[in-house]
Amino acid sequence: MGRHASHVAVVTADIIESSRYSQQDRRRLDGILRKAFEDVQQQFRDSIHTRMAFRITAGDEFQFVVSAIPQAFTVLMYLRALVAAGGLLPPIRFRASLGVGEISVPKRASPYEEDGAAFVRSRRGLEGIAKGGSRVRWTSLITGAPEVDSTADVVLCLATTMPARASSPAWPPTTSSGTSSSPSGWASDRLTRGSARGRRGGPSSLASGLLRSC
């Protein structure tokens, strides 16, 4: 288990479209998540502060705490890959918000018994994703530093939009000549279009161009 830390990254997540699963599949989903997190704990033994727990009043939500803040996104993506490959159809996907900041209580058995700025930010981020209504926006980061959060917003948009596009029947996208483009080429095209908008309208237009697909 990770050592006690005054600053942590809290991951709060909820399953996307969980109502589409039958009661039997929902039991399988629970097992897949728990088994995946056991694997996470083995792989990131020194990074986990508080193990995953489910929220009693919202059965599709879970939360865990990472003490090694720089590892938080890696831990999240590793968990996402494990649960998506868990064998359930449709594959399990979840929204997640990383809140970085202080933890104000000693370590408890469940993250839902803990509190602090990191927990407030993580909750705010998850609510923001849900209110946004995007089908491809899955990840948020709130650190309390606006310049960091705005940059991360663009990066996380691209990081989650591309896999979503890659899993759709329309992937890979085609170029103007009708040939398929690679994921890296698609990203470069998005960046080029965003840069062109930025030259015409300044930094805010560049950000808008990058985030348009979200």
C-alpha atoms as a PDB file:
ATOM      1  CA  MET A   1       0.000   0.000   0.000  1.00  0.00           C
ATOM      2  CA  GLY A   2       1.107   3.554  -0.664  1.00  0.00           C
ATOM      3  CA  ARG A   3       2.382   5.659   2.224  1.00  0.00           C
ATOM      4  CA  HIS A   4       0.351   8.459   3.750  1.00  0.00           C
ATOM      5  CA  ALA A   5       0.469  11.647   1.672  1.00  0.00           C
ATOM      6  CA  SER A   6      -0.794  15.158   2.310  1.00  0.00           C
ATOM      7  CA  HIS A   7      -1.356  15.721  -1.429  1.00  0.00           C
ATOM      8  CA  VAL A   8      -2.976  13.045  -3.566  1.00  0.00           C
ATOM      9  CA  ALA A   9      -4.836  12.432  -6.796  1.00  0.00           C
ATOM     10  CA  VAL A  10      -8.410  11.251  -6.304  1.00  0.00           C
ATOM     11  CA  VAL A  11     -10.044   9.319  -9.128  1.00  0.00           C
ATOM     12  CA  THR A  12     -13.853   9.374  -9.152  1.00  0.00           C
ATOM     13  CA  ALA A  13     -15.497   7.449 -11.972  1.00  0.00           C
ATOM     14  CA  ASP A  14     -18.832   6.159 -13.198  1.00  0.00           C
ATOM     15  CA  ILE A  15     -19.763   3.497 -15.713  1.00  0.00           C
ATOM     16  CA  ILE A  16     -20.994   4.800 -19.061  1.00  0.00           C
ATOM     17  CA  GLU A  17     -24.520   3.613 -19.979  1.00  0.00           C
ATOM     18  CA  SER A  18     -24.544   0.996 -17.252  1.00  0.00           C
ATOM     19  CA  SER A  19     -28.317   0.532 -17.617  1.00  0.00           C
ATOM     20  CA  ARG A  20     -27.758  -1.338 -20.893  1.00  0.00           C
ATOM     21  CA  TYR A  21     -26.376  -4.314 -18.955  1.00  0.00           C
ATOM     22  CA  SER A  22     -28.622  -7.051 -17.630  1.00  0.00           C
ATOM     23  CA  GLN A  23     -28.674  -7.894 -13.934  1.00  0.00           C
ATOM     24  CA  GLN A  24     -26.412 -10.868 -14.582  1.00  0.00           C
ATOM     25  CA  ASP A  25     -23.985  -8.751 -16.598  1.00  0.00           C
ATOM     26  CA  ARG A  26     -23.956  -6.089 -13.898  1.00  0.00           C
ATOM     27  CA  ARG A  27     -22.731  -8.728 -11.437  1.00  0.00           C
ATOM     28  CA  ARG A  28     -20.028  -9.677 -13.934  1.00  0.00           C
ATOM     29  CA  LEU A  29     -19.166  -5.993 -14.347  1.00  0.00           C
ATOM     30  CA  ASP A  30     -18.649  -5.653 -10.602  1.00  0.00           C
ATOM     31  CA  GLY A  31     -16.353  -8.670 -10.588  1.00  0.00           C
ATOM     32  CA  ILE A  32     -14.355  -7.426 -13.568  1.00  0.00           C
ATOM     33  CA  LEU A  33     -13.805  -4.039 -11.912  1.00  0.00           C
ATOM     34  CA  ARG A  34     -12.710  -5.557  -8.618  1.00  0.00           C
ATOM     35  CA  LYS A  35     -10.359  -8.050 -10.269  1.00  0.00           C
ATOM     36  CA  ALA A  36      -8.894  -5.299 -12.457  1.00  0.00           C
ATOM     37  CA  PHE A  37      -8.191  -3.124  -9.443  1.00  0.00           C
ATOM     38  CA  GLU A  38      -6.454  -5.995  -7.686  1.00  0.00           C
ATOM     39  CA  ASP A  39      -4.174  -6.130 -10.721  1.00  0.00           C
ATOM     40  CA  VAL A  40      -3.671  -2.364 -10.513  1.00  0.00           C
ATOM     41  CA  GLN A  41      -2.624  -2.681  -6.890  1.00  0.00           C
ATOM     42  CA  GLN A  42      -0.068  -5.329  -7.820  1.00  0.00           C
ATOM     43  CA  GLN A  43       1.355  -3.287 -10.686  1.00  0.00           C
ATOM     44  CA  PHE A  44       1.368   0.046  -8.836  1.00  0.00           C
ATOM     45  CA  ARG A  45       1.941  -1.184  -5.300  1.00  0.00           C
ATOM     46  CA  ASP A  46       3.657   2.008  -4.102  1.00  0.00           C
ATOM     47  CA  SER A  47       1.273   4.392  -5.881  1.00  0.00           C
ATOM     48  CA  ILE A  48      -2.113   3.481  -4.396  1.00  0.00           C
ATOM     49  CA  HIS A  49      -3.112   5.364  -1.254  1.00  0.00           C
ATOM     50  CA  THR A  50      -6.694   4.091  -0.776  1.00  0.00           C
ATOM     51  CA  ARG A  51      -8.154   1.109  -2.620  1.00  0.00           C
ATOM     52  CA  MET A  52     -11.227   1.269  -4.828  1.00  0.00           C
ATOM     53  CA  ALA A  53     -14.683   1.448  -3.262  1.00  0.00           C
ATOM     54  CA  PHE A  54     -18.182   1.735  -4.679  1.00  0.00           C
ATOM     55  CA  ARG A  55     -20.610   4.432  -3.635  1.00  0.00           C
ATOM     56  CA  ILE A  56     -23.588   2.853  -1.878  1.00  0.00           C
ATOM     57  CA  THR A  57     -26.086   5.469  -3.112  1.00  0.00           C
ATOM     58  CA  ALA A  58     -24.770   5.351  -6.686  1.00  0.00           C
ATOM     59  CA  GLY A  59     -23.878   1.767  -7.548  1.00  0.00           C
ATOM     60  CA  ASP A  60     -22.323   2.710 -10.891  1.00  0.00           C
ATOM     61  CA  GLU A  61     -19.744   5.001  -9.281  1.00  0.00           C
ATOM     62  CA  PHE A  62     -16.399   4.098  -7.755  1.00  0.00           C
ATOM     63  CA  GLN A  63     -13.437   5.980  -6.329  1.00  0.00           C
ATOM     64  CA  PHE A  64      -9.817   5.408  -5.356  1.00  0.00           C
ATOM     65  CA  VAL A  65      -6.850   7.521  -4.271  1.00  0.00           C
ATOM     66  CA  VAL A  66      -3.346   7.658  -5.753  1.00  0.00           C
ATOM     67  CA  SER A  67      -0.483   8.900  -3.602  1.00  0.00           C
ATOM     68  CA  ALA A  68       2.061   9.057  -6.442  1.00  0.00           C
ATOM     69  CA  ILE A  69       0.413  11.940  -8.301  1.00  0.00           C
ATOM     70  CA  PRO A  70       2.556  11.703 -11.491  1.00  0.00           C
ATOM     71  CA  GLN A  71       1.397   8.068 -11.846  1.00  0.00           C
ATOM     72  CA  ALA A  72      -2.321   8.837 -11.564  1.00  0.00           C
ATOM     73  CA  PHE A  73      -3.115   9.055 -15.279  1.00  0.00           C
ATOM     74  CA  THR A  74      -1.062   5.922 -16.022  1.00  0.00           C
ATOM     75  CA  VAL A  75      -2.964   4.046 -13.316  1.00  0.00           C
ATOM     76  CA  LEU A  76      -6.278   5.260 -14.733  1.00  0.00           C
ATOM     77  CA  MET A  77      -5.460   4.222 -18.318  1.00  0.00           C
ATOM     78  CA  TYR A  78      -4.172   0.830 -17.145  1.00  0.00           C
ATOM     79  CA  LEU A  79      -7.435   0.240 -15.286  1.00  0.00           C
ATOM     80  CA  ARG A  80      -9.456   1.307 -18.329  1.00  0.00           C
ATOM     81  CA  ALA A  81      -7.578  -1.147 -20.546  1.00  0.00           C
ATOM     82  CA  LEU A  82      -8.110  -4.008 -18.106  1.00  0.00           C
ATOM     83  CA  VAL A  83     -11.854  -3.526 -17.690  1.00  0.00           C
ATOM     84  CA  ALA A  84     -12.404  -2.974 -21.436  1.00  0.00           C
ATOM     85  CA  ALA A  85     -10.727  -6.341 -22.073  1.00  0.00           C
ATOM     86  CA  GLY A  86     -12.715  -8.046 -19.322  1.00  0.00           C
ATOM     87  CA  GLY A  87     -14.937  -9.981 -21.722  1.00  0.00           C
ATOM     88  CA  LEU A  88     -18.219  -8.148 -21.186  1.00  0.00           C
ATOM     89  CA  LEU A  89     -20.125  -6.930 -24.250  1.00  0.00           C
ATOM     90  CA  PRO A  90     -20.477  -4.073 -24.900  1.00  0.00           C
ATOM     91  CA  PRO A  91     -17.011  -3.426 -23.411  1.00  0.00           C
ATOM     92  CA  ILE A  92     -16.999  -1.552 -20.099  1.00  0.00           C
ATOM     93  CA  ARG A  93     -16.187   2.134 -20.367  1.00  0.00           C
ATOM     94  CA  PHE A  94     -16.207   4.752 -17.654  1.00  0.00           C
ATOM     95  CA  ARG A  95     -15.919   8.484 -17.212  1.00  0.00           C
ATOM     96  CA  ALA A  96     -13.265   9.549 -14.713  1.00  0.00           C
ATOM     97  CA  SER A  97     -12.126  12.730 -13.034  1.00  0.00           C
ATOM     98  CA  LEU A  98      -8.745  13.228 -11.405  1.00  0.00           C
ATOM     99  CA  GLY A  99      -8.742  15.777  -8.608  1.00  0.00           C
ATOM    100  CA  VAL A 100      -5.337  16.807  -7.289  1.00  0.00           C
ATOM    101  CA  GLY A 101      -4.877  18.492  -3.932  1.00  0.00           C
ATOM    102  CA  GLU A 102      -4.790  18.009  -0.192  1.00  0.00           C
ATOM    103  CA  ILE A 103      -6.304  15.160   1.765  1.00  0.00           C
ATOM    104  CA  SER A 104      -7.508  16.470   5.102  1.00  0.00           C
ATOM    105  CA  VAL A 105      -8.149  13.278   7.075  1.00  0.00           C
ATOM    106  CA  PRO A 106      -5.978  10.262   7.951  1.00  0.00           C
ATOM    107  CA  LYS A 107      -6.152   7.286   5.635  1.00  0.00           C
ATOM    108  CA  ARG A 108      -9.388   5.285   5.946  1.00  0.00           C
ATOM    109  CA  ALA A 109     -10.561   1.944   4.605  1.00  0.00           C
ATOM    110  CA  SER A 110     -12.764   3.611   1.972  1.00  0.00           C
ATOM    111  CA  PRO A 111     -12.073   6.777  -0.036  1.00  0.00           C
ATOM    112  CA  TYR A 112     -15.688   7.805   0.620  1.00  0.00           C
ATOM    113  CA  GLU A 113     -14.715   8.208   4.276  1.00  0.00           C
ATOM    114  CA  GLU A 114     -11.902  10.610   3.342  1.00  0.00           C
ATOM    115  CA  ASP A 115     -12.081  14.303   2.506  1.00  0.00           C
ATOM    116  CA  GLY A 116     -10.094  17.283   1.272  1.00  0.00           C
ATOM    117  CA  ALA A 117      -9.595  19.573  -1.717  1.00  0.00           C
ATOM    118  CA  ALA A 118      -8.617  16.669  -3.986  1.00  0.00           C
ATOM    119  CA  PHE A 119     -11.968  14.964  -3.361  1.00  0.00           C
ATOM    120  CA  VAL A 120     -13.942  18.148  -4.003  1.00  0.00           C
ATOM    121  CA  ARG A 121     -12.096  18.728  -7.296  1.00  0.00           C
ATOM    122  CA  SER A 122     -12.530  15.145  -8.417  1.00  0.00           C
ATOM    123  CA  ARG A 123     -16.278  15.312  -7.762  1.00  0.00           C
ATOM    124  CA  ARG A 124     -16.580  18.662  -9.562  1.00  0.00           C
ATOM    125  CA  GLY A 125     -14.757  17.283 -12.589  1.00  0.00           C
ATOM    126  CA  LEU A 126     -16.970  14.209 -12.889  1.00  0.00           C
ATOM    127  CA  GLU A 127     -20.097  16.341 -12.621  1.00  0.00           C
ATOM    128  CA  GLY A 128     -18.690  18.622 -15.323  1.00  0.00           C
ATOM    129  CA  ILE A 129     -18.192  15.710 -17.727  1.00  0.00           C
ATOM    130  CA  ALA A 130     -21.749  14.491 -17.111  1.00  0.00           C
ATOM    131  CA  LYS A 131     -23.233  17.948 -17.650  1.00  0.00           C
ATOM    132  CA  GLY A 132     -21.234  18.370 -20.851  1.00  0.00           C
ATOM    133  CA  GLY A 133     -23.181  15.534 -22.468  1.00  0.00           C
ATOM    134  CA  SER A 134     -20.340  14.471 -24.786  1.00  0.00           C
ATOM    135  CA  ARG A 135     -20.293  10.821 -25.847  1.00  0.00           C
ATOM    136  CA  VAL A 136     -16.511  10.860 -26.281  1.00  0.00           C
ATOM    137  CA  ARG A 137     -15.385  13.039 -23.379  1.00  0.00           C
ATOM    138  CA  TRP A 138     -14.357  10.606 -20.658  1.00  0.00           C
ATOM    139  CA  THR A 139     -11.655  12.275 -18.569  1.00  0.00           C
ATOM    140  CA  SER A 140     -11.194  15.439 -16.539  1.00  0.00           C
ATOM    141  CA  LEU A 141      -8.304  16.845 -14.491  1.00  0.00           C
ATOM    142  CA  ILE A 142      -8.675  19.586 -11.889  1.00  0.00           C
ATOM    143  CA  THR A 143      -5.613  20.703  -9.943  1.00  0.00           C
ATOM    144  CA  GLY A 144      -6.716  24.153  -8.802  1.00  0.00           C
ATOM    145  CA  ALA A 145      -4.214  25.798 -11.178  1.00  0.00           C
ATOM    146  CA  PRO A 146      -6.245  27.194 -14.140  1.00  0.00           C
ATOM    147  CA  GLU A 147      -3.313  27.297 -16.555  1.00  0.00           C
ATOM    148  CA  VAL A 148      -2.564  23.624 -15.893  1.00  0.00           C
ATOM    149  CA  ASP A 149      -6.202  22.570 -16.051  1.00  0.00           C
ATOM    150  CA  SER A 150      -6.916  24.352 -19.363  1.00  0.00           C
ATOM    151  CA  THR A 151      -3.902  22.735 -21.041  1.00  0.00           C
ATOM    152  CA  ALA A 152      -4.801  19.330 -19.631  1.00  0.00           C
ATOM    153  CA  ASP A 153      -8.344  19.799 -20.945  1.00  0.00           C
ATOM    154  CA  VAL A 154      -7.059  19.930 -24.521  1.00  0.00           C
ATOM    155  CA  VAL A 155      -4.699  16.970 -24.082  1.00  0.00           C
ATOM    156  CA  LEU A 156      -7.334  14.795 -22.386  1.00  0.00           C
ATOM    157  CA  CYS A 157      -9.855  15.702 -25.061  1.00  0.00           C
ATOM    158  CA  LEU A 158      -7.568  14.313 -27.762  1.00  0.00           C
ATOM    159  CA  ALA A 159      -6.508  11.336 -25.633  1.00  0.00           C
ATOM    160  CA  THR A 160     -10.098  10.153 -25.204  1.00  0.00           C
ATOM    161  CA  THR A 161     -11.584  11.303 -28.515  1.00  0.00           C
ATOM    162  CA  MET A 162      -9.154   9.287 -30.638  1.00  0.00           C
ATOM    163  CA  PRO A 163      -9.872   5.886 -29.001  1.00  0.00           C
ATOM    164  CA  ALA A 164     -13.604   6.606 -29.243  1.00  0.00           C
ATOM    165  CA  ARG A 165     -13.265   7.355 -32.949  1.00  0.00           C
ATOM    166  CA  ALA A 166     -11.038   4.314 -33.415  1.00  0.00           C
ATOM    167  CA  SER A 167     -13.770   2.020 -32.056  1.00  0.00           C
ATOM    168  CA  SER A 168     -16.491   3.431 -34.316  1.00  0.00           C
ATOM    169  CA  PRO A 169     -17.507   1.983 -37.726  1.00  0.00           C
ATOM    170  CA  ALA A 170     -16.361   5.211 -39.374  1.00  0.00           C
ATOM    171  CA  TRP A 171     -12.747   4.720 -38.272  1.00  0.00           C
ATOM    172  CA  PRO A 172     -10.227   5.251 -39.716  1.00  0.00           C
ATOM    173  CA  PRO A 173     -11.175   8.681 -41.074  1.00  0.00           C
ATOM    174  CA  THR A 174     -10.415   9.431 -44.687  1.00  0.00           C
ATOM    175  CA  THR A 175      -8.423  12.225 -46.207  1.00  0.00           C
ATOM    176  CA  SER A 176      -9.744  14.527 -48.905  1.00  0.00           C
ATOM    177  CA  SER A 177      -8.349  12.104 -51.487  1.00  0.00           C
ATOM    178  CA  GLY A 178     -10.417   9.280 -50.031  1.00  0.00           C
ATOM    179  CA  THR A 179      -7.520   7.345 -48.502  1.00  0.00           C
ATOM    180  CA  SER A 180      -7.477   6.260 -44.877  1.00  0.00           C
ATOM    181  CA  SER A 181      -5.387   8.220 -42.425  1.00  0.00           C
ATOM    182  CA  SER A 182      -3.593   6.855 -39.369  1.00  0.00           C
ATOM    183  CA  PRO A 183      -4.580   7.905 -35.833  1.00  0.00           C
ATOM    184  CA  SER A 184      -1.421  10.018 -35.610  1.00  0.00           C
ATOM    185  CA  GLY A 185      -2.217  11.572 -38.973  1.00  0.00           C
ATOM    186  CA  TRP A 186      -5.765  12.309 -37.831  1.00  0.00           C
ATOM    187  CA  ALA A 187      -4.426  14.011 -34.696  1.00  0.00           C
ATOM    188  CA  SER A 188      -1.969  16.042 -36.759  1.00  0.00           C
ATOM    189  CA  ASP A 189      -4.798  17.120 -39.028  1.00  0.00           C
ATOM    190  CA  ARG A 190      -6.826  18.254 -36.022  1.00  0.00           C
ATOM    191  CA  LEU A 191      -3.862  20.196 -34.702  1.00  0.00           C
ATOM    192  CA  THR A 192      -3.241  21.781 -38.110  1.00  0.00           C
ATOM    193  CA  ARG A 193      -6.865  22.878 -38.376  1.00  0.00           C
ATOM    194  CA  GLY A 194      -6.745  24.176 -34.823  1.00  0.00           C
ATOM    195  CA  SER A 195      -3.542  26.098 -35.571  1.00  0.00           C
ATOM    196  CA  ALA A 196      -5.092  27.652 -38.649  1.00  0.00           C
ATOM    197  CA  ARG A 197      -8.066  28.812 -36.589  1.00  0.00           C
ATOM    198  CA  GLY A 198      -5.643  30.064 -33.947  1.00  0.00           C
ATOM    199  CA  ARG A 199      -3.739  32.195 -36.457  1.00  0.00           C
ATOM    200  CA  ARG A 200      -6.989  33.791 -37.545  1.00  0.00           C
ATOM    201  CA  GLY A 201      -8.553  34.235 -34.129  1.00  0.00           C
ATOM    202  CA  GLY A 202      -5.876  33.929 -31.454  1.00  0.00           C
ATOM    203  CA  PRO A 203      -5.321  31.367 -28.661  1.00  0.00           C
ATOM    204  CA  SER A 204      -8.995  31.050 -27.775  1.00  0.00           C
ATOM    205  CA  SER A 205      -9.801  30.051 -31.345  1.00  0.00           C
ATOM    206  CA  LEU A 206      -7.007  27.457 -31.269  1.00  0.00           C
ATOM    207  CA  ALA A 207      -8.424  25.934 -28.075  1.00  0.00           C
ATOM    208  CA  SER A 208     -11.910  25.936 -29.587  1.00  0.00           C
ATOM    209  CA  GLY A 209     -10.632  24.140 -32.677  1.00  0.00           C
ATOM    210  CA  LEU A 210      -8.953  21.422 -30.652  1.00  0.00           C
ATOM    211  CA  LEU A 211     -11.975  20.930 -28.411  1.00  0.00           C
ATOM    212  CA  ARG A 212     -14.604  21.009 -31.137  1.00  0.00           C
ATOM    213  CA  SER A 213     -14.671  17.216 -31.445  1.00  0.00           C
ATOM    214  CA  CYS A 214     -15.488  16.879 -27.732  1.00  0.00           C
END
